[in-house]
PDB file of N, CA and C in Angstrom:
ATOM      1  N   MET A   1      34.166 -53.357  90.926  1.00  0.00           N
ATOM      2  CA  MET A   1      35.035 -52.261  90.546  1.00  0.00           C
ATOM      3  C   MET A   1      36.156 -52.800  89.668  1.00  0.00           C
ATOM      4  N   PRO A   2      36.514 -52.048  88.649  1.00  0.00           N
ATOM      5  CA  PRO A   2      37.575 -52.496  87.756  1.00  0.00           C
ATOM      6  C   PRO A   2      38.964 -52.335  88.374  1.00  0.00           C
ATOM      7  N   THR A   3      39.869 -53.122  87.868  1.00  0.00           N
ATOM      8  CA  THR A   3      41.273 -53.029  88.261  1.00  0.00           C
ATOM      9  C   THR A   3      42.018 -52.310  87.149  1.00  0.00           C
ATOM     10  N   TYR A   4      42.679 -51.233  87.495  1.00  0.00           N
ATOM     11  CA  TYR A   4      43.444 -50.457  86.522  1.00  0.00           C
ATOM     12  C   TYR A   4      44.927 -50.703  86.735  1.00  0.00           C
ATOM     13  N   THR A   5      45.689 -50.663  85.658  1.00  0.00           N
ATOM     14  CA  THR A   5      47.136 -50.814  85.723  1.00  0.00           C
ATOM     15  C   THR A   5      47.764 -49.454  85.456  1.00  0.00           C
ATOM     16  N   PHE A   6      48.669 -49.059  86.343  1.00  0.00           N
ATOM     17  CA  PHE A   6      49.340 -47.775  86.232  1.00  0.00           C
ATOM     18  C   PHE A   6      50.843 -47.994  86.195  1.00  0.00           C
ATOM     19  N   GLN A   7      51.539 -47.022  85.583  1.00  0.00           N
ATOM     20  CA  GLN A   7      53.002 -47.043  85.562  1.00  0.00           C
ATOM     21  C   GLN A   7      53.502 -45.699  86.063  1.00  0.00           C
ATOM     22  N   ASP A   8      54.463 -45.764  86.981  1.00  0.00           N
ATOM     23  CA  ASP A   8      55.109 -44.555  87.484  1.00  0.00           C
ATOM     24  C   ASP A   8      56.151 -44.147  86.452  1.00  0.00           C
ATOM     25  N   THR A   9      56.003 -42.954  85.879  1.00  0.00           N
ATOM     26  CA  THR A   9      56.918 -42.508  84.816  1.00  0.00           C
ATOM     27  C   THR A   9      58.313 -42.180  85.342  1.00  0.00           C
ATOM     28  N   GLU A  10      58.448 -41.948  86.641  1.00  0.00           N
ATOM     29  CA  GLU A  10      59.755 -41.635  87.214  1.00  0.00           C
ATOM     30  C   GLU A  10      60.554 -42.894  87.524  1.00  0.00           C
ATOM     31  N   THR A  11      59.901 -43.902  88.082  1.00  0.00           N
ATOM     32  CA  THR A  11      60.614 -45.115  88.493  1.00  0.00           C
ATOM     33  C   THR A  11      60.406 -46.280  87.540  1.00  0.00           C
ATOM     34  N   GLY A  12      59.373 -46.231  86.698  1.00  0.00           N
ATOM     35  CA  GLY A  12      59.077 -47.335  85.796  1.00  0.00           C
ATOM     36  C   GLY A  12      58.273 -48.451  86.446  1.00  0.00           C
ATOM     37  N   GLU A  13      57.925 -48.279  87.726  1.00  0.00           N
ATOM     38  CA  GLU A  13      57.168 -49.292  88.458  1.00  0.00           C
ATOM     39  C   GLU A  13      55.752 -49.412  87.880  1.00  0.00           C
ATOM     40  N   VAL A  14      55.315 -50.652  87.701  1.00  0.00           N
ATOM     41  CA  VAL A  14      53.972 -50.936  87.211  1.00  0.00           C
ATOM     42  C   VAL A  14      53.188 -51.596  88.345  1.00  0.00           C
ATOM     43  N   PHE A  15      51.963 -51.121  88.577  1.00  0.00           N
ATOM     44  CA  PHE A  15      51.151 -51.692  89.646  1.00  0.00           C
ATOM     45  C   PHE A  15      49.679 -51.601  89.272  1.00  0.00           C
ATOM     46  N   ASP A  16      48.882 -52.409  89.949  1.00  0.00           N
ATOM     47  CA  ASP A  16      47.435 -52.430  89.745  1.00  0.00           C
ATOM     48  C   ASP A  16      46.746 -51.763  90.924  1.00  0.00           C
ATOM     49  N   LYS A  17      45.624 -51.129  90.628  1.00  0.00           N
ATOM     50  CA  LYS A  17      44.848 -50.478  91.678  1.00  0.00           C
ATOM     51  C   LYS A  17      43.368 -50.658  91.347  1.00  0.00           C
ATOM     52  N   ILE A  18      42.594 -51.024  92.356  1.00  0.00           N
ATOM     53  CA  ILE A  18      41.155 -51.185  92.188  1.00  0.00           C
ATOM     54  C   ILE A  18      40.489 -49.859  92.525  1.00  0.00           C
ATOM     55  N   LEU A  19      39.796 -49.294  91.528  1.00  0.00           N
ATOM     56  CA  LEU A  19      39.134 -48.006  91.689  1.00  0.00           C
ATOM     57  C   LEU A  19      37.755 -48.047  91.043  1.00  0.00           C
ATOM     58  N   LYS A  20      36.886 -47.169  91.519  1.00  0.00           N
ATOM     59  CA  LYS A  20      35.631 -46.963  90.805  1.00  0.00           C
ATOM     60  C   LYS A  20      35.956 -46.224  89.517  1.00  0.00           C
ATOM     61  N   ILE A  21      35.110 -46.368  88.519  1.00  0.00           N
ATOM     62  CA  ILE A  21      35.355 -45.701  87.245  1.00  0.00           C
ATOM     63  C   ILE A  21      35.448 -44.191  87.453  1.00  0.00           C
ATOM     64  N   SER A  22      34.587 -43.669  88.307  1.00  0.00           N
ATOM     65  CA  SER A  22      34.580 -42.228  88.563  1.00  0.00           C
ATOM     66  C   SER A  22      35.821 -41.751  89.319  1.00  0.00           C
ATOM     67  N   GLU A  23      36.523 -42.635  90.006  1.00  0.00           N
ATOM     68  CA  GLU A  23      37.697 -42.257  90.792  1.00  0.00           C
ATOM     69  C   GLU A  23      38.985 -42.236  89.975  1.00  0.00           C
ATOM     70  N   LYS A  24      38.989 -42.885  88.817  1.00  0.00           N
ATOM     71  CA  LYS A  24      40.228 -43.018  88.037  1.00  0.00           C
ATOM     72  C   LYS A  24      40.782 -41.661  87.613  1.00  0.00           C
ATOM     73  N   ASP A  25      39.948 -40.786  87.060  1.00  0.00           N
ATOM     74  CA  ASP A  25      40.428 -39.483  86.596  1.00  0.00           C
ATOM     75  C   ASP A  25      40.970 -38.640  87.743  1.00  0.00           C
ATOM     76  N   ASP A  26      40.275 -38.666  88.879  1.00  0.00           N
ATOM     77  CA  ASP A  26      40.756 -37.905  90.042  1.00  0.00           C
ATOM     78  C   ASP A  26      42.094 -38.449  90.536  1.00  0.00           C
ATOM     79  N   PHE A  27      42.241 -39.785  90.508  1.00  0.00           N
ATOM     80  CA  PHE A  27      43.494 -40.407  90.954  1.00  0.00           C
ATOM     81  C   PHE A  27      44.651 -39.976  90.043  1.00  0.00           C
ATOM     82  N   LEU A  28      44.411 -39.961  88.728  1.00  0.00           N
ATOM     83  CA  LEU A  28      45.464 -39.557  87.794  1.00  0.00           C
ATOM     84  C   LEU A  28      45.800 -38.073  87.934  1.00  0.00           C
ATOM     85  N   LYS A  29      44.813 -37.217  88.203  1.00  0.00           N
ATOM     86  CA  LYS A  29      45.064 -35.780  88.384  1.00  0.00           C
ATOM     87  C   LYS A  29      45.887 -35.521  89.639  1.00  0.00           C
ATOM     88  N   SER A  30      45.629 -36.296  90.693  1.00  0.00           N
ATOM     89  CA  SER A  30      46.372 -36.094  91.940  1.00  0.00           C
ATOM     90  C   SER A  30      47.746 -36.758  91.909  1.00  0.00           C
ATOM     91  N   ASN A  31      48.011 -37.597  90.914  1.00  0.00           N
ATOM     92  CA  ASN A  31      49.313 -38.262  90.760  1.00  0.00           C
ATOM     93  C   ASN A  31      49.811 -38.036  89.325  1.00  0.00           C
ATOM     94  N   PRO A  32      50.362 -36.861  89.043  1.00  0.00           N
ATOM     95  CA  PRO A  32      50.769 -36.558  87.661  1.00  0.00           C
ATOM     96  C   PRO A  32      51.940 -37.403  87.159  1.00  0.00           C
ATOM     97  N   ASN A  33      52.643 -38.076  88.050  1.00  0.00           N
ATOM     98  CA  ASN A  33      53.756 -38.924  87.639  1.00  0.00           C
ATOM     99  C   ASN A  33      53.295 -40.312  87.199  1.00  0.00           C
ATOM    100  N   LEU A  34      51.981 -40.580  87.231  1.00  0.00           N
ATOM    101  CA  LEU A  34      51.454 -41.886  86.829  1.00  0.00           C
ATOM    102  C   LEU A  34      50.769 -41.778  85.481  1.00  0.00           C
ATOM    103  N   LYS A  35      50.878 -42.863  84.721  1.00  0.00           N
ATOM    104  CA  LYS A  35      50.099 -42.945  83.488  1.00  0.00           C
ATOM    105  C   LYS A  35      49.360 -44.280  83.488  1.00  0.00           C
ATOM    106  N   SER A  36      48.199 -44.282  82.889  1.00  0.00           N
ATOM    107  CA  SER A  36      47.367 -45.477  82.826  1.00  0.00           C
ATOM    108  C   SER A  36      47.837 -46.355  81.668  1.00  0.00           C
ATOM    109  N   LEU A  37      47.951 -47.642  81.913  1.00  0.00           N
ATOM    110  CA  LEU A  37      48.342 -48.583  80.872  1.00  0.00           C
ATOM    111  C   LEU A  37      47.115 -49.356  80.397  1.00  0.00           C
ATOM    112  N   VAL A  38      47.083 -49.630  79.118  1.00  0.00           N
ATOM    113  CA  VAL A  38      46.001 -50.418  78.547  1.00  0.00           C
ATOM    114  C   VAL A  38      46.415 -51.883  78.604  1.00  0.00           C
ATOM    115  N   THR A  39      45.582 -52.702  79.218  1.00  0.00           N
ATOM    116  CA  THR A  39      45.870 -54.129  79.325  1.00  0.00           C
ATOM    117  C   THR A  39      44.674 -54.913  78.805  1.00  0.00           C
ATOM    118  N   GLY A  40      44.862 -56.189  78.603  1.00  0.00           N
ATOM    119  CA  GLY A  40      43.773 -57.051  78.167  1.00  0.00           C
ATOM    120  C   GLY A  40      42.776 -57.263  79.284  1.00  0.00           C
ATOM    121  N   ILE A  41      41.563 -57.631  78.889  1.00  0.00           N
ATOM    122  CA  ILE A  41      40.535 -57.883  79.890  1.00  0.00           C
ATOM    123  C   ILE A  41      40.644 -59.318  80.386  1.00  0.00           C
ATOM    124  N   ASN A  42      40.206 -59.548  81.597  1.00  0.00           N
ATOM    125  CA  ASN A  42      40.227 -60.885  82.184  1.00  0.00           C
ATOM    126  C   ASN A  42      38.868 -61.532  81.993  1.00  0.00           C
ATOM    127  N   ILE A  43      38.848 -62.634  81.281  1.00  0.00           N
ATOM    128  CA  ILE A  43      37.606 -63.363  81.052  1.00  0.00           C
ATOM    129  C   ILE A  43      37.826 -64.803  81.479  1.00  0.00           C
ATOM    130  N   VAL A  44      36.916 -65.300  82.273  1.00  0.00           N
ATOM    131  CA  VAL A  44      36.959 -66.693  82.677  1.00  0.00           C
ATOM    132  C   VAL A  44      35.934 -67.429  81.834  1.00  0.00           C
ATOM    133  N   ALA A  45      36.394 -68.402  81.083  1.00  0.00           N
ATOM    134  CA  ALA A  45      35.477 -69.138  80.214  1.00  0.00           C
ATOM    135  C   ALA A  45      35.825 -70.615  80.248  1.00  0.00           C
ATOM    136  N   GLY A  46      34.846 -71.418  79.976  1.00  0.00           N
ATOM    137  CA  GLY A  46      35.080 -72.848  79.887  1.00  0.00           C
ATOM    138  C   GLY A  46      35.313 -73.524  81.223  1.00  0.00           C
ATOM    139  N   VAL A  47      34.859 -72.923  82.285  1.00  0.00           N
ATOM    140  CA  VAL A  47      35.057 -73.497  83.604  1.00  0.00           C
ATOM    141  C   VAL A  47      33.770 -74.174  84.050  1.00  0.00           C
ATOM    142  N   GLY A  48      33.853 -75.394  84.468  1.00  0.00           N
ATOM    143  CA  GLY A  48      32.703 -76.066  85.030  1.00  0.00           C
ATOM    144  C   GLY A  48      31.904 -76.908  84.061  1.00  0.00           C
ATOM    145  N   GLY A  49      32.111 -76.734  82.785  1.00  0.00           N
ATOM    146  CA  GLY A  49      31.387 -77.548  81.828  1.00  0.00           C
ATOM    147  C   GLY A  49      29.936 -77.137  81.681  1.00  0.00           C
ATOM    148  N   MET A  50      29.125 -78.051  81.211  1.00  0.00           N
ATOM    149  CA  MET A  50      27.732 -77.762  80.909  1.00  0.00           C
ATOM    150  C   MET A  50      26.838 -78.033  82.112  1.00  0.00           C
ATOM    151  N   LYS A  51      25.811 -77.218  82.247  1.00  0.00           N
ATOM    152  CA  LYS A  51      24.845 -77.382  83.332  1.00  0.00           C
ATOM    153  C   LYS A  51      24.102 -78.700  83.138  1.00  0.00           C
ATOM    154  N   THR A  52      24.046 -79.540  84.145  1.00  0.00           N
ATOM    155  CA  THR A  52      23.418 -80.854  83.989  1.00  0.00           C
ATOM    156  C   THR A  52      22.453 -81.192  85.115  1.00  0.00           C
ATOM    157  N   ASP A  53      21.777 -80.196  85.665  1.00  0.00           N
ATOM    158  CA  ASP A  53      20.815 -80.520  86.707  1.00  0.00           C
ATOM    159  C   ASP A  53      19.534 -81.074  86.084  1.00  0.00           C
ATOM    160  N   SER A  54      18.603 -81.511  86.897  1.00  0.00           N
ATOM    161  CA  SER A  54      17.405 -82.186  86.395  1.00  0.00           C
ATOM    162  C   SER A  54      16.537 -81.264  85.549  1.00  0.00           C
ATOM    163  N   GLY A  55      16.501 -79.982  85.860  1.00  0.00           N
ATOM    164  CA  GLY A  55      15.723 -79.034  85.066  1.00  0.00           C
ATOM    165  C   GLY A  55      16.249 -78.910  83.650  1.00  0.00           C
ATOM    166  N   TRP A  56      17.565 -78.893  83.522  1.00  0.00           N
ATOM    167  CA  TRP A  56      18.190 -78.804  82.207  1.00  0.00           C
ATOM    168  C   TRP A  56      17.934 -80.079  81.404  1.00  0.00           C
ATOM    169  N   LYS A  57      18.037 -81.216  82.067  1.00  0.00           N
ATOM    170  CA  LYS A  57      17.780 -82.489  81.372  1.00  0.00           C
ATOM    171  C   LYS A  57      16.330 -82.582  80.920  1.00  0.00           C
ATOM    172  N   GLU A  58      15.420 -82.064  81.737  1.00  0.00           N
ATOM    173  CA  GLU A  58      14.008 -82.054  81.360  1.00  0.00           C
ATOM    174  C   GLU A  58      13.783 -81.166  80.135  1.00  0.00           C
ATOM    175  N   ASN A  59      14.457 -80.037  80.097  1.00  0.00           N
ATOM    176  CA  ASN A  59      14.349 -79.138  78.958  1.00  0.00           C
ATOM    177  C   ASN A  59      14.883 -79.805  77.693  1.00  0.00           C
ATOM    178  N   LEU A  60      16.011 -80.485  77.791  1.00  0.00           N
ATOM    179  CA  LEU A  60      16.559 -81.213  76.645  1.00  0.00           C
ATOM    180  C   LEU A  60      15.599 -82.298  76.178  1.00  0.00           C
ATOM    181  N   SER A  61      14.947 -82.949  77.104  1.00  0.00           N
ATOM    182  CA  SER A  61      13.991 -83.993  76.771  1.00  0.00           C
ATOM    183  C   SER A  61      12.800 -83.422  76.001  1.00  0.00           C
ATOM    184  N   ARG A  62      12.308 -82.258  76.433  1.00  0.00           N
ATOM    185  CA  ARG A  62      11.182 -81.616  75.724  1.00  0.00           C
ATOM    186  C   ARG A  62      11.583 -81.208  74.311  1.00  0.00           C
ATOM    187  N   ILE A  63      12.792 -80.692  74.142  1.00  0.00           N
ATOM    188  CA  ILE A  63      13.272 -80.314  72.817  1.00  0.00           C
ATOM    189  C   ILE A  63      13.400 -81.552  71.945  1.00  0.00           C
ATOM    190  N   ALA A  64      13.917 -82.628  72.515  1.00  0.00           N
ATOM    191  CA  ALA A  64      14.082 -83.875  71.771  1.00  0.00           C
ATOM    192  C   ALA A  64      12.742 -84.429  71.308  1.00  0.00           C
ATOM    193  N   GLU A  65      11.705 -84.327  72.144  1.00  0.00           N
ATOM    194  CA  GLU A  65      10.380 -84.816  71.764  1.00  0.00           C
ATOM    195  C   GLU A  65       9.785 -83.969  70.642  1.00  0.00           C
ATOM    196  N   ALA A  66      10.098 -82.678  70.614  1.00  0.00           N
ATOM    197  CA  ALA A  66       9.593 -81.802  69.564  1.00  0.00           C
ATOM    198  C   ALA A  66      10.298 -82.046  68.230  1.00  0.00           C
ATOM    199  N   HIS A  67      11.517 -82.604  68.279  1.00  0.00           N
ATOM    200  CA  HIS A  67      12.318 -82.864  67.079  1.00  0.00           C
ATOM    201  C   HIS A  67      12.801 -84.318  67.107  1.00  0.00           C
ATOM    202  N   PRO A  68      11.911 -85.259  66.811  1.00  0.00           N
ATOM    203  CA  PRO A  68      12.234 -86.678  66.999  1.00  0.00           C
ATOM    204  C   PRO A  68      13.321 -87.229  66.080  1.00  0.00           C
ATOM    205  N   THR A  69      13.637 -86.561  64.992  1.00  0.00           N
ATOM    206  CA  THR A  69      14.670 -87.079  64.088  1.00  0.00           C
ATOM    207  C   THR A  69      16.030 -86.420  64.317  1.00  0.00           C
ATOM    208  N   SER A  70      16.143 -85.589  65.325  1.00  0.00           N
ATOM    209  CA  SER A  70      17.403 -84.883  65.578  1.00  0.00           C
ATOM    210  C   SER A  70      18.380 -85.743  66.383  1.00  0.00           C
ATOM    211  N   ALA A  71      19.623 -85.299  66.394  1.00  0.00           N
ATOM    212  CA  ALA A  71      20.646 -85.983  67.189  1.00  0.00           C
ATOM    213  C   ALA A  71      20.348 -85.832  68.683  1.00  0.00           C
ATOM    214  N   LEU A  72      19.732 -84.720  69.038  1.00  0.00           N
ATOM    215  CA  LEU A  72      19.356 -84.512  70.432  1.00  0.00           C
ATOM    216  C   LEU A  72      18.316 -85.539  70.868  1.00  0.00           C
ATOM    217  N   ALA A  73      17.404 -85.886  69.961  1.00  0.00           N
ATOM    218  CA  ALA A  73      16.383 -86.897  70.268  1.00  0.00           C
ATOM    219  C   ALA A  73      17.023 -88.264  70.466  1.00  0.00           C
ATOM    220  N   ASP A  74      18.076 -88.545  69.685  1.00  0.00           N
ATOM    221  CA  ASP A  74      18.771 -89.824  69.858  1.00  0.00           C
ATOM    222  C   ASP A  74      19.391 -89.931  71.242  1.00  0.00           C
ATOM    223  N   ARG A  75      19.850 -88.800  71.759  1.00  0.00           N
ATOM    224  CA  ARG A  75      20.558 -88.825  73.036  1.00  0.00           C
ATOM    225  C   ARG A  75      19.634 -88.656  74.241  1.00  0.00           C
ATOM    226  N   TYR A  76      18.656 -87.744  74.150  1.00  0.00           N
ATOM    227  CA  TYR A  76      17.847 -87.402  75.321  1.00  0.00           C
ATOM    228  C   TYR A  76      16.371 -87.766  75.209  1.00  0.00           C
ATOM    229  N   GLY A  77      15.920 -88.106  74.020  1.00  0.00           N
ATOM    230  CA  GLY A  77      14.501 -88.378  73.846  1.00  0.00           C
ATOM    231  C   GLY A  77      14.089 -89.707  74.456  1.00  0.00           C
ATOM    232  N   SER A  78      12.818 -89.790  74.854  1.00  0.00           N
ATOM    233  CA  SER A  78      12.311 -91.065  75.363  1.00  0.00           C
ATOM    234  C   SER A  78      11.984 -91.941  74.159  1.00  0.00           C
ATOM    235  N   LYS A  79      12.352 -93.207  74.233  1.00  0.00           N
ATOM    236  CA  LYS A  79      12.191 -94.111  73.102  1.00  0.00           C
ATOM    237  C   LYS A  79      11.424 -95.352  73.551  1.00  0.00           C
ATOM    238  N   SER A  80      10.437 -95.688  72.766  1.00  0.00           N
ATOM    239  CA  SER A  80       9.740 -96.941  73.039  1.00  0.00           C
ATOM    240  C   SER A  80      10.513 -98.072  72.351  1.00  0.00           C
ATOM    241  N   ILE A  81      10.190 -99.303  72.695  1.00  0.00           N
ATOM    242  CA  ILE A  81      10.856-100.449  72.070  1.00  0.00           C
ATOM    243  C   ILE A  81      10.589-100.443  70.575  1.00  0.00           C
ATOM    244  N   LYS A  82       9.375-100.081  70.194  1.00  0.00           N
ATOM    245  CA  LYS A  82       9.023-100.020  68.777  1.00  0.00           C
ATOM    246  C   LYS A  82       9.901 -98.997  68.044  1.00  0.00           C
ATOM    247  N   ASP A  83      10.109 -97.830  68.639  1.00  0.00           N
ATOM    248  CA  ASP A  83      10.942 -96.800  68.011  1.00  0.00           C
ATOM    249  C   ASP A  83      12.380 -97.275  67.834  1.00  0.00           C
ATOM    250  N   VAL A  84      12.912 -97.952  68.846  1.00  0.00           N
ATOM    251  CA  VAL A  84      14.286 -98.451  68.783  1.00  0.00           C
ATOM    252  C   VAL A  84      14.426 -99.500  67.683  1.00  0.00           C
ATOM    253  N   LYS A  85      13.501-100.449  67.626  1.00  0.00           N
ATOM    254  CA  LYS A  85      13.555-101.507  66.608  1.00  0.00           C
ATOM    255  C   LYS A  85      13.382-100.934  65.204  1.00  0.00           C
ATOM    256  N   THR A  86      12.481 -99.975  65.049  1.00  0.00           N
ATOM    257  CA  THR A  86      12.278 -99.349  63.736  1.00  0.00           C
ATOM    258  C   THR A  86      13.547 -98.657  63.278  1.00  0.00           C
ATOM    259  N   LYS A  87      14.190 -97.929  64.186  1.00  0.00           N
ATOM    260  CA  LYS A  87      15.432 -97.230  63.840  1.00  0.00           C
ATOM    261  C   LYS A  87      16.533 -98.219  63.478  1.00  0.00           C
ATOM    262  N   GLN A  88      16.604 -99.358  64.184  1.00  0.00           N
ATOM    263  CA  GLN A  88      17.606-100.377  63.867  1.00  0.00           C
ATOM    264  C   GLN A  88      17.401-100.937  62.468  1.00  0.00           C
ATOM    265  N   VAL A  89      16.153-101.191  62.086  1.00  0.00           N
ATOM    266  CA  VAL A  89      15.868-101.740  60.763  1.00  0.00           C
ATOM    267  C   VAL A  89      16.227-100.709  59.678  1.00  0.00           C
ATOM    268  N   ILE A  90      15.852 -99.467  59.912  1.00  0.00           N
ATOM    269  CA  ILE A  90      16.170 -98.411  58.943  1.00  0.00           C
ATOM    270  C   ILE A  90      17.669 -98.275  58.774  1.00  0.00           C
ATOM    271  N   ASN A  91      18.412 -98.231  59.887  1.00  0.00           N
ATOM    272  CA  ASN A  91      19.864 -98.106  59.809  1.00  0.00           C
ATOM    273  C   ASN A  91      20.503 -99.313  59.145  1.00  0.00           C
ATOM    274  N   LYS A  92      19.951-100.494  59.352  1.00  0.00           N
ATOM    275  CA  LYS A  92      20.486-101.718  58.750  1.00  0.00           C
ATOM    276  C   LYS A  92      20.369-101.626  57.222  1.00  0.00           C
ATOM    277  N   HIS A  93      19.228-101.155  56.746  1.00  0.00           N
ATOM    278  CA  HIS A  93      19.026-101.082  55.307  1.00  0.00           C
ATOM    279  C   HIS A  93      19.720 -99.897  54.660  1.00  0.00           C
ATOM    280  N   LEU A  94      20.024 -98.887  55.458  1.00  0.00           N
ATOM    281  CA  LEU A  94      20.773 -97.752  54.927  1.00  0.00           C
ATOM    282  C   LEU A  94      22.280 -97.964  55.046  1.00  0.00           C
ATOM    283  N   GLY A  95      22.688 -99.018  55.737  1.00  0.00           N
ATOM    284  CA  GLY A  95      24.108 -99.319  55.896  1.00  0.00           C
ATOM    285  C   GLY A  95      24.778 -98.522  56.992  1.00  0.00           C
ATOM    286  N   LYS A  96      24.003 -98.004  57.935  1.00  0.00           N
ATOM    287  CA  LYS A  96      24.575 -97.251  59.057  1.00  0.00           C
ATOM    288  C   LYS A  96      24.679 -98.151  60.270  1.00  0.00           C
ATOM    289  N   LYS A  97      25.511 -97.738  61.194  1.00  0.00           N
ATOM    290  CA  LYS A  97      25.648 -98.468  62.442  1.00  0.00           C
ATOM    291  C   LYS A  97      24.897 -97.791  63.535  1.00  0.00           C
TER     292      LYS A  97
END
């Protein structure tokens, strides 16, 4: 249920009330001294970081195998010794670290 913010026009008091959407209009009709205030929405974001369970890591690994030249493959892909040595030689001749 949403939280609505109301202001009493007689006293100036501002308060929050949790109501069903269908109850808001009835509440305002029964309390003519109240007006509804428009406030920003509450959004929780960026909490907890990225999902890192084994299923997610397996999915990243499959994506990395499908795209072997991507940055994701460098981080999560399985690499044989031959692949690592080949990449080192290529980077050496291209001047990368």
